[in-house]
């Protein structure tokens, strides 16, 4: 007799791979790479360089796709033991490990090709961006602070976006990168709270599993306070105008809302905080930053 699960239609390989890497979550990282790239363009000649902006997009999506695929491949046995993640494609068989690796390597080649087309420094530093992406999934096996590795990985986006345009190191981009890294590390502290019991049972390390949910929530609050301060520093360092400052007010309000709806004794709205609020933060700040640059003289 054919089982009910076998009777269900299986998605195509491409669709399954896109679901595996959660391609829609690019919204968390792309806006900040764009902010860095467009700010760099404004400082260089006040003009949008569309080809470079396209290559930044390709590079960012390629690197993020590789990172997510590698994460899912490396964590597939852990995912199988966690009821929340047991539906993932490598656990259910909707995607084979071989095909997942194929997709990951294609994404890596796309990233490296885009970096090479941008400038020599981007290509030379490309491996530096790849390393933390691979180390992160192993982090939960040897440290209680894997979110710090995730934050480091995510900080690469704005730095890379700036390097892509100027071909030169920029401390302004580092400030923005640190803001993004601390922000994402902070909301990952919140996200990890839903797996505390399972993580403790199977030996996965994290701040919530080691120190408890209240400590993780407070840690996230500290992270997002630091994030706001770093955004202010970036605004001052780049001479941002009124629209960017308006964006920072919106972001600060979103952080307050996020930490109002997620409390140590109430995680029922965690997914709203993780997906909706944090997605809104990235898009809102990008829109305000873009408006600010256009008002200040950036030419499309």
Protein backbone atom coordinates (compact mmCIF):
# COMPACT_ATOMS: atom_id res chain seq x y z
CA UNK A 1 0.00 0.00 0.00
CA UNK A 2 1.41 3.41 -0.97
CA UNK A 3 1.92 5.73 1.99
CA UNK A 4 0.19 9.09 2.11
CA UNK A 5 3.52 10.91 2.12
CA UNK A 6 4.67 9.09 -1.00
CA UNK A 7 1.44 10.05 -2.73
CA UNK A 8 2.06 13.74 -2.20
CA UNK A 9 3.53 15.51 -5.24
CA UNK A 10 7.20 16.34 -4.78
CA UNK A 11 8.40 19.80 -5.80
CA UNK A 12 10.85 20.14 -8.65
CA UNK A 13 14.51 20.30 -7.78
CA UNK A 14 14.78 24.02 -8.40
CA UNK A 15 11.71 24.80 -6.34
CA UNK A 16 12.92 22.51 -3.56
CA UNK A 17 16.34 24.15 -3.58
CA UNK A 18 14.83 27.65 -3.38
CA UNK A 19 12.73 26.49 -0.44
CA UNK A 20 15.81 24.89 1.12
CA UNK A 21 17.77 28.15 1.07
CA UNK A 22 14.72 30.33 1.88
CA UNK A 23 15.58 32.69 -0.97
CA UNK A 24 13.01 35.24 0.21
CA UNK A 25 15.12 35.91 3.32
CA UNK A 26 17.58 37.83 1.15
CA UNK A 27 15.47 40.81 2.25
CA UNK A 28 17.40 40.82 5.54
CA UNK A 29 20.84 41.41 4.01
CA UNK A 30 20.37 43.01 0.59
CA UNK A 31 19.06 46.42 1.75
CA UNK A 32 22.20 47.10 3.75
CA UNK A 33 24.53 46.09 0.93
CA UNK A 34 22.56 48.54 -1.22
CA UNK A 35 22.86 51.29 1.40
CA UNK A 36 26.63 50.80 1.48
CA UNK A 37 26.98 50.63 -2.30
CA UNK A 38 24.78 53.65 -2.99
CA UNK A 39 26.47 55.72 -0.29
CA UNK A 40 29.83 54.84 -1.83
CA UNK A 41 28.52 55.87 -5.26
CA UNK A 42 27.37 59.17 -3.82
CA UNK A 43 30.81 59.80 -2.36
CA UNK A 44 32.60 58.81 -5.59
CA UNK A 45 30.67 60.83 -8.17
CA UNK A 46 27.06 61.20 -6.99
CA UNK A 47 25.84 58.81 -9.72
CA UNK A 48 24.24 55.36 -9.60
CA UNK A 49 26.44 52.75 -11.29
CA UNK A 50 23.79 50.30 -12.44
CA UNK A 51 26.12 47.55 -13.64
CA UNK A 52 28.00 47.50 -10.35
CA UNK A 53 24.72 47.55 -8.43
CA UNK A 54 23.53 44.53 -10.42
CA UNK A 55 26.78 42.71 -9.70
CA UNK A 56 26.44 43.51 -5.99
CA UNK A 57 22.97 41.96 -6.11
CA UNK A 58 24.23 38.84 -7.87
CA UNK A 59 27.16 38.51 -5.46
CA UNK A 60 25.00 38.95 -2.37
CA UNK A 61 22.33 36.48 -3.47
CA UNK A 62 24.98 34.00 -4.61
CA UNK A 63 26.89 34.11 -1.33
CA UNK A 64 23.77 33.95 0.80
CA UNK A 65 22.42 31.02 -1.24
CA UNK A 66 25.69 29.14 -0.80
CA UNK A 67 25.71 29.88 2.93
CA UNK A 68 22.14 28.69 3.47
CA UNK A 69 22.64 25.54 1.42
CA UNK A 70 25.85 24.68 3.29
CA UNK A 71 24.07 25.36 6.58
CA UNK A 72 21.21 23.02 5.71
CA UNK A 73 23.57 20.29 4.49
CA UNK A 74 25.82 20.44 7.55
CA UNK A 75 22.85 20.60 9.95
CA UNK A 76 20.63 17.97 8.32
CA UNK A 77 21.10 15.40 11.09
CA UNK A 78 20.37 18.01 13.78
CA UNK A 79 17.35 19.20 11.80
CA UNK A 80 16.00 15.65 11.68
CA UNK A 81 15.99 15.49 15.49
CA UNK A 82 14.17 18.80 15.96
CA UNK A 83 10.37 18.70 15.41
CA UNK A 84 10.41 22.32 14.20
CA UNK A 85 12.93 21.60 11.43
CA UNK A 86 12.08 17.98 10.61
CA UNK A 87 10.10 19.14 7.55
CA UNK A 88 13.13 20.62 5.83
CA UNK A 89 13.88 19.34 2.36
CA UNK A 90 17.05 17.39 3.17
CA UNK A 91 15.26 15.63 6.02
CA UNK A 92 12.11 14.71 4.10
CA UNK A 93 13.98 13.70 0.94
CA UNK A 94 12.49 16.43 -1.24
CA UNK A 95 16.10 17.39 -1.99
CA UNK A 96 19.10 15.06 -2.03
CA UNK A 97 22.41 16.01 -0.46
CA UNK A 98 24.10 15.69 -3.85
CA UNK A 99 21.70 18.11 -5.49
CA UNK A 100 21.97 20.49 -2.54
CA UNK A 101 25.75 20.52 -2.88
CA UNK A 102 25.41 21.09 -6.61
CA UNK A 103 23.20 24.12 -6.01
CA UNK A 104 25.56 25.41 -3.31
CA UNK A 105 28.61 25.13 -5.57
CA UNK A 106 26.80 26.82 -8.46
CA UNK A 107 25.87 29.68 -6.11
CA UNK A 108 29.50 29.90 -4.93
CA UNK A 109 30.76 30.11 -8.52
CA UNK A 110 28.21 32.85 -9.25
CA UNK A 111 29.42 34.78 -6.21
CA UNK A 112 33.08 34.46 -7.18
CA UNK A 113 32.35 35.44 -10.78
CA UNK A 114 30.47 38.55 -9.68
CA UNK A 115 33.32 39.46 -7.31
CA UNK A 116 35.85 39.03 -10.13
CA UNK A 117 33.82 41.28 -12.43
CA UNK A 118 33.63 44.00 -9.77
CA UNK A 119 37.30 44.58 -8.98
CA UNK A 120 40.49 42.70 -7.94
CA UNK A 121 40.11 43.53 -4.23
CA UNK A 122 36.61 42.03 -4.14
CA UNK A 123 37.91 38.82 -5.69
CA UNK A 124 40.92 38.70 -3.36
CA UNK A 125 38.72 39.12 -0.27
CA UNK A 126 35.95 36.79 -1.47
CA UNK A 127 37.32 33.77 0.46
CA UNK A 128 37.30 35.88 3.64
CA UNK A 129 33.55 36.34 3.17
CA UNK A 130 33.00 32.62 2.53
CA UNK A 131 34.82 31.27 5.62
CA UNK A 132 32.40 32.42 8.35
CA UNK A 133 29.47 31.21 6.23
CA UNK A 134 30.84 27.67 6.48
CA UNK A 135 32.06 27.94 10.08
CA UNK A 136 28.71 29.20 11.41
CA UNK A 137 26.73 25.91 11.22
CA UNK A 138 29.56 24.16 13.05
CA UNK A 139 29.54 26.89 15.71
CA UNK A 140 26.59 25.41 17.56
CA UNK A 141 28.73 22.32 18.11
CA UNK A 142 31.64 24.01 19.89
CA UNK A 143 30.52 27.38 21.31
CA UNK A 144 27.57 28.75 23.25
CA UNK A 145 27.77 31.88 21.10
CA UNK A 146 27.13 30.77 17.50
CA UNK A 147 25.18 34.00 16.97
CA UNK A 148 28.49 35.88 17.14
CA UNK A 149 29.76 33.90 14.15
CA UNK A 150 26.49 34.58 12.31
CA UNK A 151 26.85 38.28 13.04
CA UNK A 152 30.40 38.28 11.66
CA UNK A 153 29.19 36.53 8.51
CA UNK A 154 26.38 39.03 8.00
CA UNK A 155 28.67 42.01 8.59
CA UNK A 156 30.45 41.14 5.34
CA UNK A 157 27.53 42.37 3.21
CA UNK A 158 27.82 46.14 3.68
CA UNK A 159 31.63 46.00 3.64
CA UNK A 160 31.51 44.09 0.38
CA UNK A 161 28.93 46.47 -1.06
CA UNK A 162 31.23 49.43 -0.44
CA UNK A 163 34.35 47.64 -1.72
CA UNK A 164 32.47 46.70 -4.87
CA UNK A 165 32.10 50.37 -5.80
CA UNK A 166 35.33 51.94 -4.60
CA UNK A 167 37.79 49.04 -4.61
CA UNK A 168 39.12 50.53 -1.36
CA UNK A 169 38.72 49.80 2.35
CA UNK A 170 36.24 51.99 4.22
CA UNK A 171 35.72 52.33 7.96
CA UNK A 172 32.28 53.80 7.29
CA UNK A 173 31.33 50.48 5.70
CA UNK A 174 32.77 48.63 8.69
CA UNK A 175 30.51 50.64 11.02
CA UNK A 176 27.47 49.73 8.92
CA UNK A 177 28.62 46.11 8.71
CA UNK A 178 28.98 45.91 12.48
CA UNK A 179 25.49 47.38 12.88
CA UNK A 180 24.04 44.72 10.59
CA UNK A 181 26.02 41.92 12.24
CA UNK A 182 24.98 42.89 15.76
CA UNK A 183 21.37 43.37 14.59
CA UNK A 184 21.12 39.91 12.98
CA UNK A 185 23.01 38.26 15.84
CA UNK A 186 20.52 39.87 18.21
CA UNK A 187 17.39 38.68 16.50
CA UNK A 188 18.91 35.22 16.08
CA UNK A 189 19.19 35.15 19.88
CA UNK A 190 15.42 35.60 19.95
CA UNK A 191 14.83 33.03 17.23
CA UNK A 192 16.92 30.39 19.04
CA UNK A 193 14.67 30.66 22.10
CA UNK A 194 12.04 28.43 20.49
CA UNK A 195 14.47 25.48 20.39
CA UNK A 196 15.78 25.60 23.94
CA UNK A 197 14.41 22.26 25.16
CA UNK A 198 15.32 20.40 21.98
CA UNK A 199 18.79 21.95 21.84
CA UNK A 200 19.50 20.91 25.41
CA UNK A 201 18.26 17.40 24.72
CA UNK A 202 20.37 16.81 21.60
CA UNK A 203 23.41 18.83 22.68
CA UNK A 204 23.15 21.86 20.40
CA UNK A 205 24.87 24.90 21.91
CA UNK A 206 23.35 28.39 21.99
CA UNK A 207 22.92 31.31 24.35
CA UNK A 208 19.31 30.38 25.25
CA UNK A 209 20.22 26.72 25.76
CA UNK A 210 23.17 27.59 28.02
CA UNK A 211 21.97 30.68 29.87
CA UNK A 212 18.17 30.52 29.51
CA UNK A 213 15.53 32.42 27.58
CA UNK A 214 15.48 35.55 29.80
CA UNK A 215 19.24 36.01 29.32
CA UNK A 216 18.88 35.59 25.55
CA UNK A 217 16.07 38.15 25.35
CA UNK A 218 18.06 40.66 27.37
CA UNK A 219 21.08 39.93 25.21
CA UNK A 220 19.01 40.70 22.12
CA UNK A 221 17.87 43.99 23.66
CA UNK A 222 21.48 44.96 24.31
CA UNK A 223 22.42 43.98 20.74
CA UNK A 224 19.67 46.10 19.25
CA UNK A 225 20.59 49.07 21.42
CA UNK A 226 24.16 48.76 20.14
CA UNK A 227 22.81 48.39 16.59
CA UNK A 228 20.91 51.66 16.88
CA UNK A 229 24.04 53.41 18.20
CA UNK A 230 26.09 52.07 15.28
CA UNK A 231 23.48 53.27 12.78
CA UNK A 232 23.73 56.73 14.37
CA UNK A 233 27.53 56.56 14.09
CA UNK A 234 27.25 55.61 10.40
CA UNK A 235 24.87 58.53 9.80
CA UNK A 236 27.31 60.94 11.41
CA UNK A 237 30.32 59.47 9.59
CA UNK A 238 28.67 59.81 6.17
CA UNK A 239 26.97 63.16 6.73
CA UNK A 240 23.49 61.68 6.34
CA UNK A 241 20.52 64.00 5.92
CA UNK A 242 17.05 64.25 7.39
CA UNK A 243 15.51 61.24 5.61
CA UNK A 244 18.18 58.86 6.91
CA UNK A 245 17.63 60.17 10.43
CA UNK A 246 13.90 59.63 9.92
CA UNK A 247 14.73 56.05 8.99
CA UNK A 248 16.66 55.63 12.22
CA UNK A 249 13.65 56.84 14.21
CA UNK A 250 11.51 54.25 12.40
CA UNK A 251 14.08 51.52 13.08
CA UNK A 252 14.29 52.43 16.76
CA UNK A 253 10.50 52.28 16.97
CA UNK A 254 10.50 48.86 15.28
CA UNK A 255 13.06 47.58 17.79
CA UNK A 256 10.90 48.80 20.68
CA UNK A 257 7.87 47.07 19.15
CA UNK A 258 9.82 43.85 18.57
CA UNK A 259 10.89 43.68 22.19
CA UNK A 260 7.40 44.52 23.37
CA UNK A 261 5.81 41.55 21.61
CA UNK A 262 8.55 39.05 22.53
CA UNK A 263 9.10 38.48 26.23
CA UNK A 264 10.85 35.73 28.20
CA UNK A 265 7.50 34.30 29.32
CA UNK A 266 5.68 34.83 26.01
CA UNK A 267 7.20 33.63 22.71
CA UNK A 268 3.84 33.27 20.95
CA UNK A 269 4.60 36.15 18.56
CA UNK A 270 8.22 35.23 17.94
CA UNK A 271 7.74 34.55 14.23
CA UNK A 272 6.11 37.96 13.74
CA UNK A 273 9.09 39.58 15.42
CA UNK A 274 11.62 37.55 13.44
CA UNK A 275 10.16 37.68 9.95
CA UNK A 276 7.82 40.67 9.77
CA UNK A 277 9.52 43.23 12.00
CA UNK A 278 13.09 42.50 10.95
CA UNK A 279 12.15 42.39 7.28
CA UNK A 280 10.44 45.75 7.73
CA UNK A 281 13.54 47.22 9.42
CA UNK A 282 15.78 46.46 6.45
CA UNK A 283 13.36 47.73 3.83
CA UNK A 284 12.38 50.86 5.78
CA UNK A 285 15.95 51.97 6.40
CA UNK A 286 16.90 51.31 2.76
CA UNK A 287 13.99 53.37 1.45
CA UNK A 288 14.85 56.25 3.79
CA UNK A 289 18.56 56.03 2.93
CA UNK A 290 17.77 56.04 -0.80
CA UNK A 291 15.47 59.06 -0.45
CA UNK A 292 18.14 60.84 1.55
CA UNK A 293 20.82 60.21 -1.08
CA UNK A 294 18.51 61.33 -3.91
CA UNK A 295 17.61 64.54 -2.08
CA UNK A 296 21.30 65.19 -1.44
CA UNK A 297 22.10 64.86 -5.14
CA UNK A 298 22.53 61.20 -6.10
CA UNK A 299 21.75 60.91 -9.82
CA UNK A 300 19.99 57.68 -10.98
